[in-house]
Amino acid sequence: MAFLKVLLTLLISVGLVLFWIGFTAKLNEWLKKYKMSSLLYLNVLIASFPFLFIAQLLLGLYPIKSLGSSALFMIVIIITVLAAMLDGLKHNEAKHGGDLLGWCMEGMLMEIPQRMLMQYFIFMLLQTLAVSNAAYYAILCNACVWCLAIYIKNRMLKSQTNKDLFYELLASFIFSIGIGAIYQYNGFILIAMIAHGTERFVSNWLISLRD
């Protein structure tokens, strides 16, 4: 029975993420159409506002519990570096200047829909369905949902080879499990945001070493 509840939660979450992808794609079109391309890197933040508002009304926001210990910060560093090393294996061109800054900022802002919205929603839905170990399932389901989103987006755009996509999915899954667990533990979104931005910066630096 618990399996069916988790599966139902996963399917609902996939539907919400697919809606999110479509919404952000449409928002991109609007920003370009109305000559506001400078806001494209803030697309994620802008798109998050209505969802944050609804989440605040229905669920409230996930509480900050603790900043954690020095050991926790070491775990954050290890997870970030490991994910960056995997991402750095991709055959992408290194970004520079404003492009790099915008890309890292986008990564930081992605933690809002990924952690503050989706992971918390999954956790609350699992608790409502009376699923044991809801926190653990929420972390796992959230990682799977966003990896599926990456896969679908890349297949639609055909922007990466299968090998590069594999590296990105593996890096994303490891990062999402690790940082997701830390967020579930302390509720401090800023740690997740800094880790995501740093992961992109380090992976880009590793790619630049091969150029």
C-alpha atoms as a PDB file:
ATOM      1  CA  MET A   1       0.000   0.000   0.000  1.00  0.00           C
ATOM      2  CA  ALA A   2       2.836   2.363   0.864  1.00  0.00           C
ATOM      3  CA  PHE A   3       4.381   1.667  -2.562  1.00  0.00           C
ATOM      4  CA  LEU A   4       1.175   2.735  -4.321  1.00  0.00           C
ATOM      5  CA  LYS A   5       1.029   5.940  -2.268  1.00  0.00           C
ATOM      6  CA  VAL A   6       4.633   6.773  -3.136  1.00  0.00           C
ATOM      7  CA  LEU A   7       3.971   5.973  -6.797  1.00  0.00           C
ATOM      8  CA  LEU A   8       0.883   8.213  -6.792  1.00  0.00           C
ATOM      9  CA  THR A   9       2.933  11.027  -5.232  1.00  0.00           C
ATOM     10  CA  LEU A  10       5.644  10.532  -7.840  1.00  0.00           C
ATOM     11  CA  LEU A  11       3.148  10.708 -10.722  1.00  0.00           C
ATOM     12  CA  ILE A  12       1.528  13.870  -9.354  1.00  0.00           C
ATOM     13  CA  SER A  13       4.962  15.435  -8.891  1.00  0.00           C
ATOM     14  CA  VAL A  14       6.022  14.553 -12.440  1.00  0.00           C
ATOM     15  CA  GLY A  15       2.873  16.239 -13.733  1.00  0.00           C
ATOM     16  CA  LEU A  16       3.636  19.384 -11.731  1.00  0.00           C
ATOM     17  CA  VAL A  17       7.241  19.486 -12.970  1.00  0.00           C
ATOM     18  CA  LEU A  18       6.121  19.062 -16.592  1.00  0.00           C
ATOM     19  CA  PHE A  19       3.742  21.972 -16.046  1.00  0.00           C
ATOM     20  CA  TRP A  20       6.672  23.918 -14.551  1.00  0.00           C
ATOM     21  CA  ILE A  21       8.835  23.242 -17.627  1.00  0.00           C
ATOM     22  CA  GLY A  22       6.064  24.449 -19.920  1.00  0.00           C
ATOM     23  CA  PHE A  23       5.430  27.524 -17.793  1.00  0.00           C
ATOM     24  CA  THR A  24       9.102  28.565 -17.705  1.00  0.00           C
ATOM     25  CA  ALA A  25       9.425  27.962 -21.470  1.00  0.00           C
ATOM     26  CA  LYS A  26       6.436  30.233 -22.067  1.00  0.00           C
ATOM     27  CA  LEU A  27       7.867  32.828 -19.712  1.00  0.00           C
ATOM     28  CA  ASN A  28      11.117  32.739 -21.695  1.00  0.00           C
ATOM     29  CA  GLU A  29       9.148  33.483 -24.859  1.00  0.00           C
ATOM     30  CA  TRP A  30       7.363  36.433 -23.210  1.00  0.00           C
ATOM     31  CA  LEU A  31      10.592  37.924 -21.902  1.00  0.00           C
ATOM     32  CA  LYS A  32      12.165  37.724 -25.374  1.00  0.00           C
ATOM     33  CA  LYS A  33       9.037  39.009 -27.089  1.00  0.00           C
ATOM     34  CA  TYR A  34       8.806  42.092 -24.871  1.00  0.00           C
ATOM     35  CA  LYS A  35      12.565  42.744 -25.130  1.00  0.00           C
ATOM     36  CA  MET A  36      13.378  41.841 -21.533  1.00  0.00           C
ATOM     37  CA  SER A  37      16.150  39.377 -22.315  1.00  0.00           C
ATOM     38  CA  SER A  38      18.213  40.737 -19.419  1.00  0.00           C
ATOM     39  CA  LEU A  39      15.714  39.014 -17.092  1.00  0.00           C
ATOM     40  CA  LEU A  40      16.117  35.566 -18.662  1.00  0.00           C
ATOM     41  CA  TYR A  41      18.514  34.406 -15.944  1.00  0.00           C
ATOM     42  CA  LEU A  42      15.873  35.422 -13.368  1.00  0.00           C
ATOM     43  CA  ASN A  43      13.254  33.350 -15.182  1.00  0.00           C
ATOM     44  CA  VAL A  44      13.298  30.685 -12.457  1.00  0.00           C
ATOM     45  CA  LEU A  45      12.759  33.248  -9.691  1.00  0.00           C
ATOM     46  CA  ILE A  46       9.958  35.032 -11.564  1.00  0.00           C
ATOM     47  CA  ALA A  47       8.244  31.729 -12.349  1.00  0.00           C
ATOM     48  CA  SER A  48       8.502  30.678  -8.691  1.00  0.00           C
ATOM     49  CA  PHE A  49       6.502  33.607  -7.298  1.00  0.00           C
ATOM     50  CA  PRO A  50       2.980  32.302  -8.045  1.00  0.00           C
ATOM     51  CA  PHE A  51       3.888  28.816  -6.833  1.00  0.00           C
ATOM     52  CA  LEU A  52       5.472  30.200  -3.650  1.00  0.00           C
ATOM     53  CA  PHE A  53       2.351  32.249  -3.012  1.00  0.00           C
ATOM     54  CA  ILE A  54       0.083  29.214  -3.410  1.00  0.00           C
ATOM     55  CA  ALA A  55       2.413  27.053  -1.285  1.00  0.00           C
ATOM     56  CA  GLN A  56       2.450  29.677   1.451  1.00  0.00           C
ATOM     57  CA  LEU A  57      -1.367  29.779   1.514  1.00  0.00           C
ATOM     58  CA  LEU A  58      -1.867  26.013   1.487  1.00  0.00           C
ATOM     59  CA  LEU A  59       1.168  24.594   3.276  1.00  0.00           C
ATOM     60  CA  GLY A  60       3.210  27.390   4.782  1.00  0.00           C
ATOM     61  CA  LEU A  61       6.958  27.238   4.194  1.00  0.00           C
ATOM     62  CA  TYR A  62       9.313  24.529   5.409  1.00  0.00           C
ATOM     63  CA  PRO A  63      10.706  25.681   8.771  1.00  0.00           C
ATOM     64  CA  ILE A  64      14.384  26.443   9.377  1.00  0.00           C
ATOM     65  CA  LYS A  65      15.470  23.966  12.049  1.00  0.00           C
ATOM     66  CA  SER A  66      19.234  24.335  12.393  1.00  0.00           C
ATOM     67  CA  LEU A  67      22.239  25.608  10.471  1.00  0.00           C
ATOM     68  CA  GLY A  68      24.010  22.366  11.285  1.00  0.00           C
ATOM     69  CA  SER A  69      27.547  21.569  12.350  1.00  0.00           C
ATOM     70  CA  SER A  70      30.979  21.781  10.741  1.00  0.00           C
ATOM     71  CA  ALA A  71      30.591  18.117   9.748  1.00  0.00           C
ATOM     72  CA  LEU A  72      27.437  18.984   7.808  1.00  0.00           C
ATOM     73  CA  PHE A  73      29.246  21.737   5.912  1.00  0.00           C
ATOM     74  CA  MET A  74      32.004  19.263   5.033  1.00  0.00           C
ATOM     75  CA  ILE A  75      29.346  16.935   3.605  1.00  0.00           C
ATOM     76  CA  VAL A  76      27.965  19.832   1.540  1.00  0.00           C
ATOM     77  CA  ILE A  77      31.448  20.507   0.139  1.00  0.00           C
ATOM     78  CA  ILE A  78      32.035  16.834  -0.698  1.00  0.00           C
ATOM     79  CA  ILE A  79      28.665  16.489  -2.456  1.00  0.00           C
ATOM     80  CA  THR A  80      29.176  19.746  -4.376  1.00  0.00           C
ATOM     81  CA  VAL A  81      32.673  18.803  -5.560  1.00  0.00           C
ATOM     82  CA  LEU A  82      31.616  15.259  -6.520  1.00  0.00           C
ATOM     83  CA  ALA A  83      28.673  16.539  -8.577  1.00  0.00           C
ATOM     84  CA  ALA A  84      30.897  19.202 -10.186  1.00  0.00           C
ATOM     85  CA  MET A  85      33.492  16.576 -11.145  1.00  0.00           C
ATOM     86  CA  LEU A  86      30.823  14.499 -12.889  1.00  0.00           C
ATOM     87  CA  ASP A  87      29.357  17.562 -14.626  1.00  0.00           C
ATOM     88  CA  GLY A  88      32.882  18.588 -15.608  1.00  0.00           C
ATOM     89  CA  LEU A  89      33.215  15.426 -17.698  1.00  0.00           C
ATOM     90  CA  LYS A  90      30.683  16.763 -20.207  1.00  0.00           C
ATOM     91  CA  HIS A  91      31.922  18.045 -23.550  1.00  0.00           C
ATOM     92  CA  ASN A  92      30.431  21.510 -23.216  1.00  0.00           C
ATOM     93  CA  GLU A  93      32.073  24.811 -23.997  1.00  0.00           C
ATOM     94  CA  ALA A  94      33.198  26.717 -20.918  1.00  0.00           C
ATOM     95  CA  LYS A  95      31.235  29.845 -20.082  1.00  0.00           C
ATOM     96  CA  HIS A  96      32.898  33.167 -19.315  1.00  0.00           C
ATOM     97  CA  GLY A  97      32.042  36.561 -17.844  1.00  0.00           C
ATOM     98  CA  GLY A  98      28.373  37.465 -17.723  1.00  0.00           C
ATOM     99  CA  ASP A  99      27.279  34.125 -19.178  1.00  0.00           C
ATOM    100  CA  LEU A 100      29.023  32.259 -16.364  1.00  0.00           C
ATOM    101  CA  LEU A 101      27.617  34.581 -13.700  1.00  0.00           C
ATOM    102  CA  GLY A 102      24.074  34.229 -15.074  1.00  0.00           C
ATOM    103  CA  TRP A 103      24.375  30.450 -15.332  1.00  0.00           C
ATOM    104  CA  CYS A 104      25.575  30.148 -11.728  1.00  0.00           C
ATOM    105  CA  MET A 105      22.814  32.495 -10.554  1.00  0.00           C
ATOM    106  CA  GLU A 106      20.256  30.375 -12.407  1.00  0.00           C
ATOM    107  CA  GLY A 107      21.587  27.300 -10.592  1.00  0.00           C
ATOM    108  CA  MET A 108      21.222  29.032  -7.228  1.00  0.00           C
ATOM    109  CA  LEU A 109      17.651  30.091  -8.010  1.00  0.00           C
ATOM    110  CA  MET A 110      16.716  26.568  -9.170  1.00  0.00           C
ATOM    111  CA  GLU A 111      16.882  25.503  -5.532  1.00  0.00           C
ATOM    112  CA  ILE A 112      13.669  27.444  -4.910  1.00  0.00           C
ATOM    113  CA  PRO A 113      11.451  25.224  -7.120  1.00  0.00           C
ATOM    114  CA  GLN A 114      13.512  22.105  -6.475  1.00  0.00           C
ATOM    115  CA  ARG A 115      13.779  22.258  -2.713  1.00  0.00           C
ATOM    116  CA  MET A 116      11.426  24.924  -1.268  1.00  0.00           C
ATOM    117  CA  LEU A 117       8.534  23.962  -3.519  1.00  0.00           C
ATOM    118  CA  MET A 118       8.731  20.441  -4.928  1.00  0.00           C
ATOM    119  CA  GLN A 119      10.575  18.572  -2.177  1.00  0.00           C
ATOM    120  CA  TYR A 120       8.415  20.190   0.494  1.00  0.00           C
ATOM    121  CA  PHE A 121       5.235  19.470  -1.495  1.00  0.00           C
ATOM    122  CA  ILE A 122       6.217  15.804  -1.893  1.00  0.00           C
ATOM    123  CA  PHE A 123       7.027  15.562   1.818  1.00  0.00           C
ATOM    124  CA  MET A 124       3.703  17.077   2.862  1.00  0.00           C
ATOM    125  CA  LEU A 125       1.726  14.915   0.413  1.00  0.00           C
ATOM    126  CA  LEU A 126       3.414  11.754   1.697  1.00  0.00           C
ATOM    127  CA  GLN A 127       2.685  12.779   5.270  1.00  0.00           C
ATOM    128  CA  THR A 128      -0.958  13.434   4.355  1.00  0.00           C
ATOM    129  CA  LEU A 129      -1.104   9.933   2.837  1.00  0.00           C
ATOM    130  CA  ALA A 130       0.363   8.570   6.106  1.00  0.00           C
ATOM    131  CA  VAL A 131       3.464   7.105   4.451  1.00  0.00           C
ATOM    132  CA  SER A 132       6.128   6.002   6.913  1.00  0.00           C
ATOM    133  CA  ASN A 133       9.577   7.562   6.467  1.00  0.00           C
ATOM    134  CA  ALA A 134       8.023  10.365   4.397  1.00  0.00           C
ATOM    135  CA  ALA A 135      11.185  12.461   4.615  1.00  0.00           C
ATOM    136  CA  TYR A 136      13.347   9.768   3.014  1.00  0.00           C
ATOM    137  CA  TYR A 137      10.846   9.105   0.243  1.00  0.00           C
ATOM    138  CA  ALA A 138      10.481  12.844  -0.379  1.00  0.00           C
ATOM    139  CA  ILE A 139      14.232  13.213  -0.963  1.00  0.00           C
ATOM    140  CA  LEU A 140      14.338  10.208  -3.308  1.00  0.00           C
ATOM    141  CA  CYS A 141      11.185  11.130  -5.233  1.00  0.00           C
ATOM    142  CA  ASN A 142      12.312  14.724  -5.670  1.00  0.00           C
ATOM    143  CA  ALA A 143      15.667  13.605  -7.083  1.00  0.00           C
ATOM    144  CA  CYS A 144      13.941  11.246  -9.525  1.00  0.00           C
ATOM    145  CA  VAL A 145      11.423  13.887 -10.615  1.00  0.00           C
ATOM    146  CA  TRP A 146      14.046  16.512 -11.457  1.00  0.00           C
ATOM    147  CA  CYS A 147      16.298  13.982 -13.184  1.00  0.00           C
ATOM    148  CA  LEU A 148      13.309  13.062 -15.343  1.00  0.00           C
ATOM    149  CA  ALA A 149      12.791  16.771 -16.056  1.00  0.00           C
ATOM    150  CA  ILE A 150      16.423  17.082 -17.181  1.00  0.00           C
ATOM    151  CA  TYR A 151      16.045  14.002 -19.399  1.00  0.00           C
ATOM    152  CA  ILE A 152      12.840  15.279 -21.035  1.00  0.00           C
ATOM    153  CA  LYS A 153      14.240  18.780 -21.576  1.00  0.00           C
ATOM    154  CA  ASN A 154      17.421  17.433 -23.165  1.00  0.00           C
ATOM    155  CA  ARG A 155      15.525  15.028 -25.399  1.00  0.00           C
ATOM    156  CA  MET A 156      13.271  17.851 -26.564  1.00  0.00           C
ATOM    157  CA  LEU A 157      16.183  20.173 -27.316  1.00  0.00           C
ATOM    158  CA  LYS A 158      18.599  17.401 -28.384  1.00  0.00           C
ATOM    159  CA  SER A 159      21.345  19.505 -26.817  1.00  0.00           C
ATOM    160  CA  GLN A 160      23.637  16.765 -25.457  1.00  0.00           C
ATOM    161  CA  THR A 161      25.058  13.388 -26.424  1.00  0.00           C
ATOM    162  CA  ASN A 162      23.904  10.326 -24.505  1.00  0.00           C
ATOM    163  CA  LYS A 163      27.218  10.224 -22.643  1.00  0.00           C
ATOM    164  CA  ASP A 164      27.028  13.869 -21.560  1.00  0.00           C
ATOM    165  CA  LEU A 165      23.397  13.419 -20.552  1.00  0.00           C
ATOM    166  CA  PHE A 166      24.382  10.426 -18.424  1.00  0.00           C
ATOM    167  CA  TYR A 167      27.001  12.513 -16.592  1.00  0.00           C
ATOM    168  CA  GLU A 168      24.481  15.297 -15.992  1.00  0.00           C
ATOM    169  CA  LEU A 169      21.800  12.929 -14.712  1.00  0.00           C
ATOM    170  CA  LEU A 170      24.235  11.165 -12.385  1.00  0.00           C
ATOM    171  CA  ALA A 171      25.582  14.476 -11.064  1.00  0.00           C
ATOM    172  CA  SER A 172      22.052  15.817 -10.589  1.00  0.00           C
ATOM    173  CA  PHE A 173      20.860  12.690  -8.773  1.00  0.00           C
ATOM    174  CA  ILE A 174      23.815  12.637  -6.371  1.00  0.00           C
ATOM    175  CA  PHE A 175      23.547  16.371  -5.733  1.00  0.00           C
ATOM    176  CA  SER A 176      19.775  16.254  -5.229  1.00  0.00           C
ATOM    177  CA  ILE A 177      19.940  13.315  -2.819  1.00  0.00           C
ATOM    178  CA  GLY A 178      22.760  14.852  -0.774  1.00  0.00           C
ATOM    179  CA  ILE A 179      21.629  18.474  -0.696  1.00  0.00           C
ATOM    180  CA  GLY A 180      18.002  17.380  -0.441  1.00  0.00           C
ATOM    181  CA  ALA A 181      18.807  15.400   2.708  1.00  0.00           C
ATOM    182  CA  ILE A 182      20.601  18.389   4.221  1.00  0.00           C
ATOM    183  CA  TYR A 183      17.696  20.706   3.389  1.00  0.00           C
ATOM    184  CA  GLN A 184      15.255  18.218   4.891  1.00  0.00           C
ATOM    185  CA  TYR A 185      17.417  18.208   8.020  1.00  0.00           C
ATOM    186  CA  ASN A 186      17.955  21.949   8.505  1.00  0.00           C
ATOM    187  CA  GLY A 187      15.461  23.745   6.229  1.00  0.00           C
ATOM    188  CA  PHE A 188      18.051  26.401   5.365  1.00  0.00           C
ATOM    189  CA  ILE A 189      17.613  27.059   1.639  1.00  0.00           C
ATOM    190  CA  LEU A 190      20.615  29.404   1.371  1.00  0.00           C
ATOM    191  CA  ILE A 191      23.019  26.488   1.893  1.00  0.00           C
ATOM    192  CA  ALA A 192      21.423  24.603  -1.002  1.00  0.00           C
ATOM    193  CA  MET A 193      21.499  27.712  -3.207  1.00  0.00           C
ATOM    194  CA  ILE A 194      25.189  28.418  -2.561  1.00  0.00           C
ATOM    195  CA  ALA A 195      26.043  24.756  -3.135  1.00  0.00           C
ATOM    196  CA  HIS A 196      24.214  24.696  -6.494  1.00  0.00           C
ATOM    197  CA  GLY A 197      25.830  27.894  -7.717  1.00  0.00           C
ATOM    198  CA  THR A 198      29.258  26.650  -6.592  1.00  0.00           C
ATOM    199  CA  GLU A 199      28.730  23.294  -8.292  1.00  0.00           C
ATOM    200  CA  ARG A 200      28.114  25.037 -11.612  1.00  0.00           C
ATOM    201  CA  PHE A 201      31.116  27.313 -11.177  1.00  0.00           C
ATOM    202  CA  VAL A 202      33.484  24.432 -10.349  1.00  0.00           C
ATOM    203  CA  SER A 203      32.182  22.211 -13.165  1.00  0.00           C
ATOM    204  CA  ASN A 204      32.653  25.081 -15.630  1.00  0.00           C
ATOM    205  CA  TRP A 205      36.216  25.591 -14.336  1.00  0.00           C
ATOM    206  CA  LEU A 206      36.956  21.891 -14.872  1.00  0.00           C
ATOM    207  CA  ILE A 207      35.572  22.091 -18.429  1.00  0.00           C
ATOM    208  CA  SER A 208      37.695  25.203 -19.089  1.00  0.00           C
ATOM    209  CA  LEU A 209      40.853  23.260 -18.160  1.00  0.00           C
ATOM    210  CA  ARG A 210      40.279  21.023 -21.197  1.00  0.00           C
ATOM    211  CA  ASP A 211      39.636  23.893 -23.639  1.00  0.00           C
END
